[in-house]
Every structure is written in C-alpha cells, then in structure tokens.
C-alpha cells in the first residue's frame, strides 16, 4: 500500500514537472517567434503551421518528461520486486 502511494505521488510530480516545462517552453517559443521579422511570416511559415509546430513539439516534450520517464521508473520498480 505504501509503495502504491509513493509511486502514485511520484507519477503526479513527474506529470506536473512535464506540464510546467511544456508551458515554459511554449512561452519561450512564442517570444522567439514574435522577435522574427514580418517577412518571416509571409515567406517561411503560415499561422497554422506555426501553431501546429509549437503545440506538437511541446506535447512531445511534456509526454517525454511526464509520462515516459515515470513509466520507465514504474516498470523498473515492478520488475525489481
């Protein structure tokens, strides 16, 4: 029972960490995009592509930090029992 509580709280902590990092990266990404010259938006990228890239990349980072790292640790704990 105690092991379940410890593992659950660790899962929650990793997921919160992933969400916070994704939010921070989204903010930094938006700042970097807004610093671009106006011509960048005319020639290089459309609004839809920009939103899709920003959202897709941060979701991948959030999953990697929050769920996948924690699932790996959970599998390690279960196997070691």
Protein backbone atom coordinates (compact mmCIF):
# COMPACT_ATOMS: atom_id res chain seq x y z
CA UNK A 1 0.00 0.00 0.00
CA UNK A 2 2.81 2.41 0.90
CA UNK A 3 4.63 1.55 -2.32
CA UNK A 4 1.49 2.35 -4.33
CA UNK A 5 1.19 5.74 -2.61
CA UNK A 6 4.86 6.54 -3.24
CA UNK A 7 4.65 5.54 -6.89
CA UNK A 8 1.41 7.50 -7.41
CA UNK A 9 2.83 10.64 -5.85
CA UNK A 10 5.96 10.30 -7.97
CA UNK A 11 3.83 9.93 -11.11
CA UNK A 12 1.95 13.10 -10.17
CA UNK A 13 5.18 15.00 -9.58
CA UNK A 14 6.66 13.97 -12.92
CA UNK A 15 3.45 14.89 -14.75
CA UNK A 16 3.35 18.32 -13.09
CA UNK A 17 7.01 18.82 -13.98
CA UNK A 18 6.27 17.93 -17.60
CA UNK A 19 3.36 20.36 -17.75
CA UNK A 20 5.39 23.19 -16.25
CA UNK A 21 8.31 22.64 -18.60
CA UNK A 22 5.98 22.49 -21.61
CA UNK A 23 4.32 25.77 -20.57
CA UNK A 24 7.72 27.42 -20.11
CA UNK A 25 8.95 26.19 -23.49
CA UNK A 26 5.74 27.39 -25.16
CA UNK A 27 6.28 30.86 -23.71
CA UNK A 28 9.93 30.97 -24.80
CA UNK A 29 8.98 29.70 -28.27
CA UNK A 30 6.31 32.38 -28.62
CA UNK A 31 8.76 35.09 -27.58
CA UNK A 32 11.28 33.84 -30.16
CA UNK A 33 8.64 33.78 -32.90
CA UNK A 34 7.44 37.28 -32.06
CA UNK A 35 11.01 38.57 -32.42
CA UNK A 36 11.11 37.41 -36.05
CA UNK A 37 10.93 39.87 -38.90
CA UNK A 38 7.49 40.31 -40.51
CA UNK A 39 8.80 38.84 -43.78
CA UNK A 40 9.34 35.53 -41.98
CA UNK A 41 5.59 35.11 -41.65
CA UNK A 42 4.97 35.99 -45.30
CA UNK A 43 7.54 33.64 -46.83
CA UNK A 44 8.55 30.95 -44.36
CA UNK A 45 5.58 29.80 -42.32
CA UNK A 46 1.82 30.15 -42.06
CA UNK A 47 -0.09 30.72 -38.86
CA UNK A 48 -1.47 27.18 -38.91
CA UNK A 49 1.97 25.67 -39.33
CA UNK A 50 3.31 27.80 -36.51
CA UNK A 51 0.58 26.78 -34.08
CA UNK A 52 0.81 23.12 -35.11
CA UNK A 53 4.58 23.02 -34.69
CA UNK A 54 4.53 24.80 -31.33
CA UNK A 55 1.78 22.62 -29.92
CA UNK A 56 3.12 19.34 -31.32
CA UNK A 57 6.68 19.89 -30.11
CA UNK A 58 5.67 20.89 -26.60
CA UNK A 59 3.29 17.93 -26.30
CA UNK A 60 6.14 15.59 -27.21
CA UNK A 61 8.36 17.19 -24.58
CA UNK A 62 5.60 17.04 -21.98
CA UNK A 63 5.00 13.34 -22.71
CA UNK A 64 8.69 12.55 -22.55
CA UNK A 65 9.16 14.27 -19.20
CA UNK A 66 5.85 13.49 -17.56
CA UNK A 67 4.72 10.06 -18.62
CA UNK A 68 7.51 8.15 -20.30
CA UNK A 69 10.21 8.83 -17.72
CA UNK A 70 7.85 7.94 -14.94
CA UNK A 71 6.53 4.80 -16.65
CA UNK A 72 10.10 3.61 -17.11
CA UNK A 73 10.71 4.06 -13.37
CA UNK A 74 7.44 2.31 -12.54
CA UNK A 75 8.38 -0.68 -14.70
CA UNK A 76 11.79 -0.79 -13.03
CA UNK A 77 10.19 -0.87 -9.57
CA UNK A 78 7.73 -3.60 -10.54
CA UNK A 79 10.45 -5.76 -12.10
CA UNK A 80 12.72 -5.33 -9.08
CA UNK A 81 10.02 -6.59 -6.73
